[in-house]
Amino acid sequence: MTPPPDASPDQRRAFHEYAAGIYRRVAETDRDHHYEAMAYAYVEQEIYATRASSAEAAQATDPTA
């Protein structure tokens, strides 16, 4: 699953933060896949959500957007 193509940066960030939370819960309950789930949580939170926040900030400061 991914956010819809027309999602705002704020919606994209919320989606990725939600996905990171799901991966963290999986890491707590599925000990055989703990490290894998934590890696996916990191990617969702630190890479994708941060990227969405950066796009939101760029839109806010870009007078042509």
PDB file of N, CA and C in Angstrom:
ATOM      1  N   MET A   1       0.835  -1.181   0.000  1.00  0.00           N
ATOM      2  CA  MET A   1       0.000   0.000   0.000  1.00  0.00           C
ATOM      3  C   MET A   1       0.879   1.244   0.000  1.00  0.00           C
ATOM      4  N   THR A   2       0.399   2.244  -0.663  1.00  0.00           N
ATOM      5  CA  THR A   2       1.056   3.547  -0.673  1.00  0.00           C
ATOM      6  C   THR A   2      -0.031   4.610  -0.622  1.00  0.00           C
ATOM      7  N   PRO A   3       0.339   5.833  -0.240  1.00  0.00           N
ATOM      8  CA  PRO A   3      -0.662   6.899  -0.277  1.00  0.00           C
ATOM      9  C   PRO A   3      -1.062   7.170  -1.729  1.00  0.00           C
ATOM     10  N   PRO A   4      -2.253   7.711  -1.951  1.00  0.00           N
ATOM     11  CA  PRO A   4      -2.664   7.992  -3.328  1.00  0.00           C
ATOM     12  C   PRO A   4      -1.725   8.992  -3.992  1.00  0.00           C
ATOM     13  N   PRO A   5      -1.620   8.934  -5.309  1.00  0.00           N
ATOM     14  CA  PRO A   5      -0.698   9.830  -6.024  1.00  0.00           C
ATOM     15  C   PRO A   5      -0.980  11.315  -5.785  1.00  0.00           C
ATOM     16  N   ASP A   6      -2.232  11.657  -5.522  1.00  0.00           N
ATOM     17  CA  ASP A   6      -2.573  13.066  -5.321  1.00  0.00           C
ATOM     18  C   ASP A   6      -2.569  13.468  -3.841  1.00  0.00           C
ATOM     19  N   ALA A   7      -1.999  12.633  -2.979  1.00  0.00           N
ATOM     20  CA  ALA A   7      -1.960  12.937  -1.547  1.00  0.00           C
ATOM     21  C   ALA A   7      -1.058  14.141  -1.282  1.00  0.00           C
ATOM     22  N   SER A   8      -1.453  14.938  -0.333  1.00  0.00           N
ATOM     23  CA  SER A   8      -0.635  16.086   0.047  1.00  0.00           C
ATOM     24  C   SER A   8       0.596  15.593   0.815  1.00  0.00           C
ATOM     25  N   PRO A   9       1.631  16.399   0.913  1.00  0.00           N
ATOM     26  CA  PRO A   9       2.802  15.996   1.706  1.00  0.00           C
ATOM     27  C   PRO A   9       2.430  15.647   3.146  1.00  0.00           C
ATOM     28  N   ASP A  10       1.481  16.363   3.714  1.00  0.00           N
ATOM     29  CA  ASP A  10       1.045  16.072   5.077  1.00  0.00           C
ATOM     30  C   ASP A  10       0.391  14.695   5.161  1.00  0.00           C
ATOM     31  N   GLN A  11      -0.420  14.346   4.180  1.00  0.00           N
ATOM     32  CA  GLN A  11      -1.054  13.032   4.137  1.00  0.00           C
ATOM     33  C   GLN A  11      -0.013  11.936   3.931  1.00  0.00           C
ATOM     34  N   ARG A  12       0.980  12.200   3.102  1.00  0.00           N
ATOM     35  CA  ARG A  12       2.037  11.213   2.874  1.00  0.00           C
ATOM     36  C   ARG A  12       2.833  10.970   4.157  1.00  0.00           C
ATOM     37  N   ARG A  13       3.168  12.047   4.856  1.00  0.00           N
ATOM     38  CA  ARG A  13       3.911  11.901   6.109  1.00  0.00           C
ATOM     39  C   ARG A  13       3.106  11.096   7.115  1.00  0.00           C
ATOM     40  N   ALA A  14       1.817  11.395   7.244  1.00  0.00           N
ATOM     41  CA  ALA A  14       0.954  10.661   8.185  1.00  0.00           C
ATOM     42  C   ALA A  14       0.882   9.182   7.813  1.00  0.00           C
ATOM     43  N   PHE A  15       0.789   8.887   6.526  1.00  0.00           N
ATOM     44  CA  PHE A  15       0.748   7.497   6.076  1.00  0.00           C
ATOM     45  C   PHE A  15       2.015   6.759   6.502  1.00  0.00           C
ATOM     46  N   HIS A  16       3.182   7.362   6.264  1.00  0.00           N
ATOM     47  CA  HIS A  16       4.446   6.697   6.571  1.00  0.00           C
ATOM     48  C   HIS A  16       4.671   6.582   8.078  1.00  0.00           C
ATOM     49  N   GLU A  17       4.218   7.541   8.850  1.00  0.00           N
ATOM     50  CA  GLU A  17       4.317   7.429  10.305  1.00  0.00           C
ATOM     51  C   GLU A  17       3.419   6.302  10.813  1.00  0.00           C
ATOM     52  N   TYR A  18       2.242   6.168  10.231  1.00  0.00           N
ATOM     53  CA  TYR A  18       1.332   5.081  10.588  1.00  0.00           C
ATOM     54  C   TYR A  18       1.965   3.727  10.244  1.00  0.00           C
ATOM     55  N   ALA A  19       2.541   3.620   9.053  1.00  0.00           N
ATOM     56  CA  ALA A  19       3.182   2.373   8.634  1.00  0.00           C
ATOM     57  C   ALA A  19       4.348   2.030   9.564  1.00  0.00           C
ATOM     58  N   ALA A  20       5.113   3.016   9.971  1.00  0.00           N
ATOM     59  CA  ALA A  20       6.222   2.770  10.893  1.00  0.00           C
ATOM     60  C   ALA A  20       5.706   2.204  12.211  1.00  0.00           C
ATOM     61  N   GLY A  21       4.580   2.715  12.690  1.00  0.00           N
ATOM     62  CA  GLY A  21       3.988   2.195  13.924  1.00  0.00           C
ATOM     63  C   GLY A  21       3.559   0.744  13.786  1.00  0.00           C
ATOM     64  N   ILE A  22       3.016   0.399  12.637  1.00  0.00           N
ATOM     65  CA  ILE A  22       2.628  -0.999  12.404  1.00  0.00           C
ATOM     66  C   ILE A  22       3.859  -1.893  12.437  1.00  0.00           C
ATOM     67  N   TYR A  23       4.921  -1.483  11.762  1.00  0.00           N
ATOM     68  CA  TYR A  23       6.146  -2.289  11.764  1.00  0.00           C
ATOM     69  C   TYR A  23       6.714  -2.433  13.174  1.00  0.00           C
ATOM     70  N   ARG A  24       6.626  -1.387  13.987  1.00  0.00           N
ATOM     71  CA  ARG A  24       7.117  -1.492  15.368  1.00  0.00           C
ATOM     72  C   ARG A  24       6.296  -2.508  16.165  1.00  0.00           C
ATOM     73  N   ARG A  25       4.979  -2.516  15.956  1.00  0.00           N
ATOM     74  CA  ARG A  25       4.133  -3.488  16.649  1.00  0.00           C
ATOM     75  C   ARG A  25       4.434  -4.913  16.183  1.00  0.00           C
ATOM     76  N   VAL A  26       4.693  -5.077  14.897  1.00  0.00           N
ATOM     77  CA  VAL A  26       5.080  -6.400  14.388  1.00  0.00           C
ATOM     78  C   VAL A  26       6.393  -6.833  15.043  1.00  0.00           C
ATOM     79  N   ALA A  27       7.332  -5.912  15.166  1.00  0.00           N
ATOM     80  CA  ALA A  27       8.621  -6.235  15.781  1.00  0.00           C
ATOM     81  C   ALA A  27       8.456  -6.707  17.220  1.00  0.00           C
ATOM     82  N   GLU A  28       7.478  -6.167  17.921  1.00  0.00           N
ATOM     83  CA  GLU A  28       7.240  -6.571  19.311  1.00  0.00           C
ATOM     84  C   GLU A  28       6.612  -7.959  19.413  1.00  0.00           C
ATOM     85  N   THR A  29       5.778  -8.314  18.447  1.00  0.00           N
ATOM     86  CA  THR A  29       5.029  -9.569  18.550  1.00  0.00           C
ATOM     87  C   THR A  29       5.649 -10.721  17.766  1.00  0.00           C
ATOM     88  N   ASP A  30       6.370 -10.454  16.708  1.00  0.00           N
ATOM     89  CA  ASP A  30       6.967 -11.501  15.878  1.00  0.00           C
ATOM     90  C   ASP A  30       8.478 -11.473  16.094  1.00  0.00           C
ATOM     91  N   ARG A  31       8.924 -12.152  17.124  1.00  0.00           N
ATOM     92  CA  ARG A  31      10.340 -12.094  17.501  1.00  0.00           C
ATOM     93  C   ARG A  31      11.259 -12.669  16.424  1.00  0.00           C
ATOM     94  N   ASP A  32      10.746 -13.573  15.584  1.00  0.00           N
ATOM     95  CA  ASP A  32      11.582 -14.133  14.519  1.00  0.00           C
ATOM     96  C   ASP A  32      11.898 -13.096  13.444  1.00  0.00           C
ATOM     97  N   HIS A  33      11.097 -12.058  13.368  1.00  0.00           N
ATOM     98  CA  HIS A  33      11.305 -11.020  12.355  1.00  0.00           C
ATOM     99  C   HIS A  33      11.504  -9.634  12.984  1.00  0.00           C
ATOM    100  N   HIS A  34      11.937  -9.623  14.223  1.00  0.00           N
ATOM    101  CA  HIS A  34      12.097  -8.378  14.977  1.00  0.00           C
ATOM    102  C   HIS A  34      12.991  -7.367  14.238  1.00  0.00           C
ATOM    103  N   TYR A  35      14.182  -7.794  13.866  1.00  0.00           N
ATOM    104  CA  TYR A  35      15.135  -6.854  13.268  1.00  0.00           C
ATOM    105  C   TYR A  35      14.688  -6.396  11.886  1.00  0.00           C
ATOM    106  N   GLU A  36      14.096  -7.295  11.139  1.00  0.00           N
ATOM    107  CA  GLU A  36      13.582  -6.922   9.820  1.00  0.00           C
ATOM    108  C   GLU A  36      12.474  -5.876   9.950  1.00  0.00           C
ATOM    109  N   ALA A  37      11.541  -6.106  10.873  1.00  0.00           N
ATOM    110  CA  ALA A  37      10.437  -5.160  11.069  1.00  0.00           C
ATOM    111  C   ALA A  37      10.952  -3.818  11.578  1.00  0.00           C
ATOM    112  N   MET A  38      11.940  -3.833  12.460  1.00  0.00           N
ATOM    113  CA  MET A  38      12.506  -2.575  12.954  1.00  0.00           C
ATOM    114  C   MET A  38      13.207  -1.816  11.829  1.00  0.00           C
ATOM    115  N   ALA A  39      13.832  -2.534  10.909  1.00  0.00           N
ATOM    116  CA  ALA A  39      14.469  -1.873   9.767  1.00  0.00           C
ATOM    117  C   ALA A  39      13.421  -1.189   8.896  1.00  0.00           C
ATOM    118  N   TYR A  40      12.307  -1.881   8.659  1.00  0.00           N
ATOM    119  CA  TYR A  40      11.240  -1.270   7.862  1.00  0.00           C
ATOM    120  C   TYR A  40      10.633  -0.073   8.593  1.00  0.00           C
ATOM    121  N   ALA A  41      10.499  -0.167   9.906  1.00  0.00           N
ATOM    122  CA  ALA A  41       9.980   0.967  10.677  1.00  0.00           C
ATOM    123  C   ALA A  41      10.908   2.169  10.529  1.00  0.00           C
ATOM    124  N   TYR A  42      12.200   1.924  10.590  1.00  0.00           N
ATOM    125  CA  TYR A  42      13.176   3.002  10.427  1.00  0.00           C
ATOM    126  C   TYR A  42      13.039   3.652   9.050  1.00  0.00           C
ATOM    127  N   VAL A  43      12.938   2.831   8.014  1.00  0.00           N
ATOM    128  CA  VAL A  43      12.825   3.359   6.654  1.00  0.00           C
ATOM    129  C   VAL A  43      11.570   4.214   6.521  1.00  0.00           C
ATOM    130  N   GLU A  44      10.456   3.715   7.020  1.00  0.00           N
ATOM    131  CA  GLU A  44       9.200   4.465   6.929  1.00  0.00           C
ATOM    132  C   GLU A  44       9.299   5.799   7.676  1.00  0.00           C
ATOM    133  N   GLN A  45       9.831   5.762   8.884  1.00  0.00           N
ATOM    134  CA  GLN A  45       9.863   6.963   9.731  1.00  0.00           C
ATOM    135  C   GLN A  45      10.950   7.942   9.314  1.00  0.00           C
ATOM    136  N   GLU A  46      12.162   7.434   9.182  1.00  0.00           N
ATOM    137  CA  GLU A  46      13.307   8.319   8.998  1.00  0.00           C
ATOM    138  C   GLU A  46      13.560   8.713   7.547  1.00  0.00           C
ATOM    139  N   ILE A  47      13.131   7.892   6.619  1.00  0.00           N
ATOM    140  CA  ILE A  47      13.394   8.208   5.216  1.00  0.00           C
ATOM    141  C   ILE A  47      12.140   8.737   4.541  1.00  0.00           C
ATOM    142  N   TYR A  48      11.081   7.929   4.490  1.00  0.00           N
ATOM    143  CA  TYR A  48       9.889   8.343   3.752  1.00  0.00           C
ATOM    144  C   TYR A  48       9.132   9.480   4.432  1.00  0.00           C
ATOM    145  N   ALA A  49       8.915   9.404   5.741  1.00  0.00           N
ATOM    146  CA  ALA A  49       8.182  10.469   6.426  1.00  0.00           C
ATOM    147  C   ALA A  49       8.985  11.768   6.410  1.00  0.00           C
ATOM    148  N   THR A  50      10.300  11.661   6.561  1.00  0.00           N
ATOM    149  CA  THR A  50      11.152  12.847   6.511  1.00  0.00           C
ATOM    150  C   THR A  50      11.133  13.455   5.110  1.00  0.00           C
ATOM    151  N   ARG A  51      11.142  12.609   4.098  1.00  0.00           N
ATOM    152  CA  ARG A  51      11.085  13.093   2.716  1.00  0.00           C
ATOM    153  C   ARG A  51       9.765  13.825   2.458  1.00  0.00           C
ATOM    154  N   ALA A  52       8.664  13.280   2.985  1.00  0.00           N
ATOM    155  CA  ALA A  52       7.359  13.933   2.821  1.00  0.00           C
ATOM    156  C   ALA A  52       7.351  15.277   3.534  1.00  0.00           C
ATOM    157  N   SER A  53       7.967  15.353   4.721  1.00  0.00           N
ATOM    158  CA  SER A  53       8.048  16.620   5.453  1.00  0.00           C
ATOM    159  C   SER A  53       8.877  17.638   4.685  1.00  0.00           C
ATOM    160  N   SER A  54       9.949  17.176   4.052  1.00  0.00           N
ATOM    161  CA  SER A  54      10.794  18.073   3.260  1.00  0.00           C
ATOM    162  C   SER A  54      10.021  18.622   2.068  1.00  0.00           C
ATOM    163  N   ALA A  55       9.209  17.782   1.443  1.00  0.00           N
ATOM    164  CA  ALA A  55       8.400  18.239   0.310  1.00  0.00           C
ATOM    165  C   ALA A  55       7.380  19.264   0.775  1.00  0.00           C
ATOM    166  N   GLU A  56       6.820  19.047   1.968  1.00  0.00           N
ATOM    167  CA  GLU A  56       5.848  19.990   2.528  1.00  0.00           C
ATOM    168  C   GLU A  56       6.523  21.336   2.796  1.00  0.00           C
ATOM    169  N   ALA A  57       7.718  21.304   3.351  1.00  0.00           N
ATOM    170  CA  ALA A  57       8.445  22.535   3.646  1.00  0.00           C
ATOM    171  C   ALA A  57       8.803  23.262   2.355  1.00  0.00           C
ATOM    172  N   ALA A  58       9.205  22.530   1.338  1.00  0.00           N
ATOM    173  CA  ALA A  58       9.561  23.142   0.060  1.00  0.00           C
ATOM    174  C   ALA A  58       8.340  23.794  -0.577  1.00  0.00           C
ATOM    175  N   GLN A  59       7.195  23.150  -0.464  1.00  0.00           N
ATOM    176  CA  GLN A  59       5.961  23.716  -1.007  1.00  0.00           C
ATOM    177  C   GLN A  59       5.594  25.000  -0.281  1.00  0.00           C
ATOM    178  N   ALA A  60       5.809  25.013   1.019  1.00  0.00           N
ATOM    179  CA  ALA A  60       5.446  26.193   1.814  1.00  0.00           C
ATOM    180  C   ALA A  60       6.322  27.400   1.487  1.00  0.00           C
ATOM    181  N   THR A  61       7.577  27.144   1.115  1.00  0.00           N
ATOM    182  CA  THR A  61       8.494  28.259   0.838  1.00  0.00           C
ATOM    183  C   THR A  61       8.591  28.585  -0.642  1.00  0.00           C
ATOM    184  N   ASP A  62       8.051  27.743  -1.507  1.00  0.00           N
ATOM    185  CA  ASP A  62       8.107  27.976  -2.950  1.00  0.00           C
ATOM    186  C   ASP A  62       6.901  28.814  -3.392  1.00  0.00           C
ATOM    187  N   PRO A  63       7.111  30.042  -3.815  1.00  0.00           N
ATOM    188  CA  PRO A  63       5.966  30.893  -4.192  1.00  0.00           C
ATOM    189  C   PRO A  63       5.271  30.421  -5.460  1.00  0.00           C
ATOM    190  N   THR A  64       5.902  29.544  -6.247  1.00  0.00           N
ATOM    191  CA  THR A  64       5.281  29.041  -7.479  1.00  0.00           C
ATOM    192  C   THR A  64       4.418  27.820  -7.238  1.00  0.00           C
ATOM    193  N   ALA A  65       4.480  27.235  -6.059  1.00  0.00           N
ATOM    194  CA  ALA A  65       3.704  26.000  -5.776  1.00  0.00           C
ATOM    195  C   ALA A  65       2.276  26.318  -5.435  1.00  0.00           C
TER     196      ALA A  65
END
